[in-house]
Amino acid sequence: MVNINKRGALEIVISILPGIIFTWLTGRDYYLIASFFAVCALIPYNKSYFNRYYSFIHLVLIFAIGELMANAMQSGEYWLYAVIMGTVGLICGYLELNNPSLRKAASWIMIGTIYSSFKFPNIPASQYTAANLISILLLAAASLALALLVNKPKSAHINYNFKFSSRDCLLYFRIVFPVLIAFIVWRAFDIQEAEWLLWSSISVANIELEAAKTKAKHRLLGGAAGIILGFAVALILPASQLLNYVLFTCMMLTFRVFDKYYISFTARCFFIVLYANNHFMIGCTRITNVLIGAVIGYLCSLVLIKLQQRQSIY
């Protein structure tokens, strides 16, 4: 039985609608990045924190870090890209290990920074100005504010823990280890759409081996199913800008609507293939990156767990 999160769907639609309208009015597709940022900041609310101001801090953080990483990539300073990504990953790994409730926020910080670092460079050079970047951030903030209006706040309180444990220090590298290995693979083999590879490695990596195995299986099977279905439907789907906006909306909805991960990921891969201009190439690239990332994430989980067990003995 699949449960549909209707309120979550409403919140996602509200958060992305301003970006879609602005894109339609201006004819500038990069304003859809604002919708993506709003979703990244919205999802952790009422899960990792219950203060709406934290959502806006989250938004500014991923925007600023994503822009820094994009600049490093565009200038060819990939070492700096890796340093920034690794530092953010280490901080997120530390926070989520000491505070399991922060895992959602940590995940969406990594998703937001990695994906935006690849999307910012798609903005035409003549329009890559401070004014346009600020307008994207303001549009994302306005979209987030609208979505939060319908998101009923919980009265729960979370006590955050910021202690350092030398016994668990290896587990703080749950994110850093796989993402840096994936980064090396990306640069060594010039992998296209590498954001999928980077995130897939982080998504699968876990301090519990069985959980990593299950996540890898869900991503591989769900990705394959969604992409194959996407190929089939793409053959009969007409080209339309309006349809692209609908498909973008559906992609974003998959992050919040379904309660089962493998269904969400299958649907997301399906809509990604339909949304792409080159359906076949994007589909093949997607499943390849998911596969490589899953292997990296699982192997890194295995190594970290073994090292942690050995450290515990001594």
Protein backbone atom coordinates (compact mmCIF):
# COMPACT_ATOMS: atom_id res chain seq x y z
CA MET A 1 0.00 0.00 0.00
CA VAL A 2 1.44 3.36 -1.06
CA ASN A 3 0.55 6.37 1.07
CA ILE A 4 0.33 9.76 -0.64
CA ASN A 5 1.41 12.79 1.36
CA LYS A 6 -1.19 15.28 0.13
CA ARG A 7 -0.09 18.15 2.37
CA GLY A 8 3.51 17.55 1.36
CA ALA A 9 2.47 17.69 -2.29
CA LEU A 10 0.70 21.01 -1.73
CA GLU A 11 3.78 22.46 -0.02
CA ILE A 12 6.06 21.40 -2.87
CA VAL A 13 3.75 22.85 -5.52
CA ILE A 14 3.54 26.17 -3.67
CA SER A 15 7.33 26.28 -3.24
CA ILE A 16 8.09 25.74 -6.92
CA LEU A 17 5.21 27.64 -8.55
CA PRO A 18 6.78 31.14 -8.26
CA GLY A 19 9.95 29.92 -9.98
CA ILE A 20 7.96 28.33 -12.80
CA ILE A 21 5.88 31.50 -13.30
CA PHE A 22 8.98 33.69 -13.29
CA THR A 23 10.70 31.37 -15.77
CA TRP A 24 7.67 31.49 -18.06
CA LEU A 25 7.43 35.29 -17.88
CA THR A 26 11.14 35.95 -18.46
CA GLY A 27 11.98 33.04 -20.73
CA ARG A 28 15.02 32.32 -18.55
CA ASP A 29 15.10 28.67 -17.50
CA TYR A 30 17.72 29.23 -14.82
CA TYR A 31 15.09 30.72 -12.53
CA LEU A 32 13.94 27.16 -11.92
CA ILE A 33 17.02 26.93 -9.69
CA ALA A 34 15.09 29.14 -7.24
CA SER A 35 12.36 26.48 -7.06
CA PHE A 36 14.97 23.82 -6.38
CA PHE A 37 16.52 25.88 -3.57
CA ALA A 38 13.10 26.43 -1.99
CA VAL A 39 12.45 22.66 -1.97
CA CYS A 40 15.87 21.96 -0.45
CA ALA A 41 15.16 24.36 2.42
CA LEU A 42 11.53 23.27 2.89
CA ILE A 43 11.90 19.51 3.28
CA PRO A 44 13.97 19.48 6.53
CA TYR A 45 11.45 21.76 8.26
CA ASN A 46 9.40 19.96 10.93
CA LYS A 47 11.89 17.07 10.78
CA SER A 48 15.33 18.41 11.61
CA TYR A 49 14.15 21.66 13.16
CA PHE A 50 10.89 23.43 13.99
CA ASN A 51 11.97 27.04 13.69
CA ARG A 52 11.06 28.61 10.35
CA TYR A 53 14.04 30.95 10.53
CA TYR A 54 16.31 27.91 10.32
CA SER A 55 14.80 27.14 6.92
CA PHE A 56 15.96 30.51 5.61
CA ILE A 57 19.42 29.99 7.12
CA HIS A 58 19.46 26.61 5.37
CA LEU A 59 18.52 28.31 2.10
CA VAL A 60 21.25 30.96 2.32
CA LEU A 61 23.84 28.33 3.26
CA ILE A 62 23.22 26.04 0.30
CA PHE A 63 23.00 29.01 -2.07
CA ALA A 64 26.32 30.49 -0.88
CA ILE A 65 28.20 27.18 -0.72
CA GLY A 66 26.80 26.05 -4.08
CA GLU A 67 27.93 29.31 -5.66
CA LEU A 68 31.42 28.96 -4.17
CA MET A 69 31.72 25.42 -5.52
CA ALA A 70 30.41 26.51 -8.93
CA ASN A 71 33.03 29.28 -9.11
CA ALA A 72 35.76 26.81 -8.19
CA MET A 73 34.59 24.47 -10.95
CA GLN A 74 34.35 27.21 -13.57
CA SER A 75 37.83 28.49 -12.77
CA GLY A 76 39.27 24.97 -13.07
CA GLU A 77 40.22 24.83 -9.37
CA TYR A 78 38.78 21.40 -8.75
CA TRP A 79 40.98 20.92 -5.71
CA LEU A 80 39.12 23.82 -4.09
CA TYR A 81 35.79 22.27 -5.13
CA ALA A 82 36.82 19.05 -3.36
CA VAL A 83 38.01 20.93 -0.24
CA ILE A 84 34.73 22.85 0.09
CA MET A 85 32.60 19.77 -0.55
CA GLY A 86 34.69 17.65 1.82
CA THR A 87 34.55 20.26 4.59
CA VAL A 88 30.77 20.60 4.31
CA GLY A 89 30.47 16.81 4.22
CA LEU A 90 32.57 16.41 7.36
CA ILE A 91 30.50 18.97 9.26
CA CYS A 92 27.26 17.32 8.11
CA GLY A 93 28.60 13.88 9.04
CA TYR A 94 29.48 15.12 12.52
CA LEU A 95 26.08 16.76 13.02
CA GLU A 96 23.98 13.82 11.84
CA LEU A 97 25.93 11.25 13.89
CA ASN A 98 25.45 13.20 17.13
CA ASN A 99 21.93 14.29 16.19
CA PRO A 100 20.04 11.69 14.11
CA SER A 101 17.19 14.18 13.66
CA LEU A 102 19.56 16.40 11.67
CA ARG A 103 20.17 13.76 9.02
CA LYS A 104 17.41 15.21 6.83
CA ALA A 105 18.94 18.69 7.05
CA ALA A 106 22.46 17.33 6.41
CA SER A 107 21.25 15.41 3.36
CA TRP A 108 19.55 18.45 1.87
CA ILE A 109 22.56 20.64 2.49
CA MET A 110 24.67 18.19 0.49
CA ILE A 111 22.01 17.78 -2.21
CA GLY A 112 21.53 21.53 -2.51
CA THR A 113 25.21 22.43 -2.68
CA ILE A 114 26.24 19.64 -5.07
CA TYR A 115 23.37 20.04 -7.51
CA SER A 116 23.45 23.85 -7.54
CA SER A 117 27.20 23.82 -8.17
CA PHE A 118 26.42 22.07 -11.46
CA LYS A 119 23.38 24.22 -12.30
CA PHE A 120 24.88 27.67 -11.74
CA PRO A 121 27.38 27.22 -14.62
CA ASN A 122 24.42 26.61 -16.97
CA ILE A 123 23.45 30.27 -16.62
CA PRO A 124 24.58 32.13 -19.78
CA ALA A 125 27.78 34.09 -19.13
CA SER A 126 26.14 37.39 -20.10
CA GLN A 127 23.44 36.82 -17.45
CA TYR A 128 25.71 35.41 -14.73
CA THR A 129 25.65 38.66 -12.78
CA ALA A 130 25.38 39.53 -9.10
CA ALA A 131 21.98 41.09 -9.72
CA ASN A 132 20.59 37.92 -11.31
CA LEU A 133 22.07 35.71 -8.57
CA ILE A 134 20.48 37.91 -5.91
CA SER A 135 17.16 37.76 -7.77
CA ILE A 136 17.36 33.93 -7.73
CA LEU A 137 18.00 33.96 -3.98
CA LEU A 138 15.17 36.41 -3.30
CA LEU A 139 12.77 34.41 -5.47
CA ALA A 140 13.76 31.22 -3.60
CA ALA A 141 13.21 32.96 -0.25
CA ALA A 142 9.78 34.23 -1.32
CA SER A 143 8.83 30.75 -2.58
CA LEU A 144 9.95 29.20 0.70
CA ALA A 145 8.00 31.76 2.71
CA LEU A 146 4.81 30.93 0.80
CA ALA A 147 5.27 27.21 1.32
CA LEU A 148 5.91 27.64 5.04
CA LEU A 149 2.58 29.44 5.40
CA VAL A 150 0.75 26.17 4.75
CA ASN A 151 3.24 23.99 6.63
CA LYS A 152 1.70 23.55 10.06
CA PRO A 153 4.47 23.97 12.65
CA LYS A 154 4.93 21.33 15.32
CA SER A 155 5.39 22.27 18.94
CA ALA A 156 8.09 19.66 19.54
CA HIS A 157 11.54 20.63 20.74
CA ILE A 158 14.89 19.06 19.86
CA ASN A 159 17.94 19.18 22.10
CA TYR A 160 20.98 19.19 19.85
CA ASN A 161 24.20 17.48 20.88
CA PHE A 162 27.55 18.96 19.77
CA LYS A 163 30.00 16.82 21.72
CA PHE A 164 33.04 15.22 20.08
CA SER A 165 33.64 11.51 20.52
CA SER A 166 37.09 10.16 19.65
CA ARG A 167 35.58 6.66 19.69
CA ASP A 168 33.20 7.55 16.85
CA CYS A 169 35.44 9.95 14.94
CA LEU A 170 35.78 7.61 11.94
CA LEU A 171 32.01 7.61 11.50
CA TYR A 172 32.08 11.39 11.04
CA PHE A 173 33.54 10.57 7.60
CA ARG A 174 30.33 8.81 6.50
CA ILE A 175 29.80 11.51 3.86
CA VAL A 176 33.36 12.69 3.19
CA PHE A 177 34.83 9.29 2.38
CA PRO A 178 32.44 8.23 -0.42
CA VAL A 179 31.97 11.69 -1.93
CA LEU A 180 35.71 12.28 -2.30
CA ILE A 181 36.19 8.82 -3.85
CA ALA A 182 33.34 9.64 -6.24
CA PHE A 183 34.99 13.00 -6.96
CA ILE A 184 38.26 11.25 -7.93
CA VAL A 185 36.34 8.86 -10.22
CA TRP A 186 34.53 11.81 -11.82
CA ARG A 187 37.71 13.72 -12.56
CA ALA A 188 39.69 10.64 -13.63
CA PHE A 189 37.11 9.45 -16.16
CA ASP A 190 35.47 12.79 -17.04
CA ILE A 191 32.04 11.46 -16.11
CA GLN A 192 29.08 13.47 -17.40
CA GLU A 193 26.29 14.70 -15.09
CA ALA A 194 28.63 13.92 -12.18
CA GLU A 195 26.25 15.40 -9.61
CA TRP A 196 24.31 12.13 -9.80
CA LEU A 197 27.48 10.15 -9.12
CA LEU A 198 28.46 12.31 -6.14
CA TRP A 199 25.04 12.19 -4.54
CA SER A 200 24.50 8.48 -5.20
CA SER A 201 27.70 7.66 -3.31
CA ILE A 202 26.51 9.70 -0.30
CA SER A 203 22.95 8.39 -0.45
CA VAL A 204 24.01 4.74 -0.24
CA ALA A 205 26.79 5.18 2.34
CA ASN A 206 25.64 4.27 5.83
CA ILE A 207 27.14 3.31 9.18
CA GLU A 208 24.95 0.18 9.06
CA LEU A 209 25.92 -2.20 6.26
CA GLU A 210 22.47 -3.72 5.80
CA ALA A 211 20.95 -0.25 5.37
CA ALA A 212 23.58 0.59 2.74
CA LYS A 213 22.83 -2.65 0.89
CA THR A 214 19.08 -1.98 0.92
CA LYS A 215 19.52 1.60 -0.30
CA ALA A 216 21.82 0.49 -3.12
CA LYS A 217 19.27 -2.15 -4.21
CA HIS A 218 16.41 0.34 -4.17
CA ARG A 219 18.38 2.88 -6.21
CA LEU A 220 19.56 0.37 -8.81
CA LEU A 221 16.23 -1.39 -9.31
CA GLY A 222 14.19 1.79 -9.03
CA GLY A 223 16.53 3.68 -11.35
CA ALA A 224 16.45 0.92 -13.98
CA ALA A 225 12.65 0.63 -13.84
CA GLY A 226 12.06 4.38 -14.00
CA ILE A 227 14.49 4.90 -16.87
CA ILE A 228 13.09 2.03 -18.96
CA LEU A 229 9.55 3.34 -18.46
CA GLY A 230 10.80 6.81 -19.34
CA PHE A 231 12.29 5.56 -22.61
CA ALA A 232 8.97 3.96 -23.56
CA VAL A 233 6.81 7.01 -22.78
CA ALA A 234 9.30 9.47 -24.33
CA LEU A 235 8.65 7.89 -27.73
CA ILE A 236 5.06 9.15 -27.77
CA LEU A 237 5.42 12.32 -25.70
CA PRO A 238 5.13 15.61 -27.65
CA ALA A 239 7.60 18.45 -27.17
CA SER A 240 6.06 21.32 -25.20
CA GLN A 241 7.32 24.01 -22.84
CA LEU A 242 4.18 23.68 -20.74
CA LEU A 243 4.76 19.95 -20.50
CA ASN A 244 8.32 20.62 -19.33
CA TYR A 245 6.97 22.67 -16.43
CA VAL A 246 4.60 19.83 -15.53
CA LEU A 247 7.44 17.30 -15.65
CA PHE A 248 9.65 19.55 -13.50
CA THR A 249 6.82 19.77 -10.97
CA CYS A 250 6.46 15.99 -10.96
CA MET A 251 10.20 15.56 -10.37
CA MET A 252 10.07 17.84 -7.35
CA LEU A 253 6.94 16.13 -6.01
CA THR A 254 8.74 12.79 -5.85
CA PHE A 255 10.86 14.17 -3.01
CA ARG A 256 7.86 14.51 -0.71
CA VAL A 257 4.76 12.69 -1.98
CA PHE A 258 5.53 8.98 -1.54
CA ASP A 259 6.32 7.31 1.78
CA LYS A 260 8.41 4.51 0.23
CA TYR A 261 11.86 5.44 -1.07
CA TYR A 262 12.06 2.98 -3.97
CA ILE A 263 8.77 4.27 -5.38
CA SER A 264 9.95 7.87 -5.04
CA PHE A 265 13.25 7.11 -6.78
CA THR A 266 11.60 5.12 -9.56
CA ALA A 267 9.19 7.97 -10.25
CA ARG A 268 12.00 10.55 -10.10
CA CYS A 269 14.13 8.70 -12.66
CA PHE A 270 11.06 8.30 -14.88
CA PHE A 271 10.35 12.05 -14.90
CA ILE A 272 14.03 12.97 -15.28
CA VAL A 273 14.23 10.99 -18.51
CA LEU A 274 11.05 12.62 -19.85
CA TYR A 275 12.23 16.10 -18.82
CA ALA A 276 15.60 15.75 -20.56
CA ASN A 277 16.06 16.82 -24.17
CA ASN A 278 18.21 13.80 -25.00
CA HIS A 279 16.14 11.08 -23.35
CA PHE A 280 18.35 8.09 -24.18
CA MET A 281 21.69 9.69 -23.33
CA ILE A 282 20.44 11.15 -20.05
CA GLY A 283 18.84 7.85 -19.06
CA CYS A 284 22.02 5.86 -19.73
CA THR A 285 24.15 8.43 -17.92
CA ARG A 286 21.78 8.44 -14.96
CA ILE A 287 21.75 4.68 -14.41
CA THR A 288 25.52 4.43 -14.93
CA ASN A 289 26.19 7.11 -12.31
CA VAL A 290 23.69 5.55 -9.91
CA LEU A 291 25.44 2.19 -10.32
CA ILE A 292 28.96 3.54 -9.82
CA GLY A 293 27.87 5.74 -6.92
CA ALA A 294 26.07 2.84 -5.25
CA VAL A 295 29.17 0.64 -5.46
CA ILE A 296 31.34 3.42 -4.03
CA GLY A 297 28.86 4.11 -1.23
CA TYR A 298 28.54 0.45 -0.28
CA LEU A 299 32.29 -0.24 -0.32
CA CYS A 300 32.99 2.90 1.71
CA SER A 301 30.38 1.79 4.25
CA LEU A 302 32.05 -1.60 4.49
CA VAL A 303 35.51 -0.07 5.02
CA LEU A 304 34.32 2.48 7.58
CA ILE A 305 32.44 -0.14 9.59
CA LYS A 306 35.43 -2.49 9.59
CA LEU A 307 37.79 0.29 10.67
CA GLN A 308 35.36 1.39 13.38
CA GLN A 309 35.09 -2.16 14.70
CA ARG A 310 38.87 -2.50 14.77
CA GLN A 311 39.22 0.81 16.59
CA SER A 312 36.64 -0.29 19.17
CA ILE A 313 38.67 -3.43 19.92
CA TYR A 314 41.75 -1.41 20.73
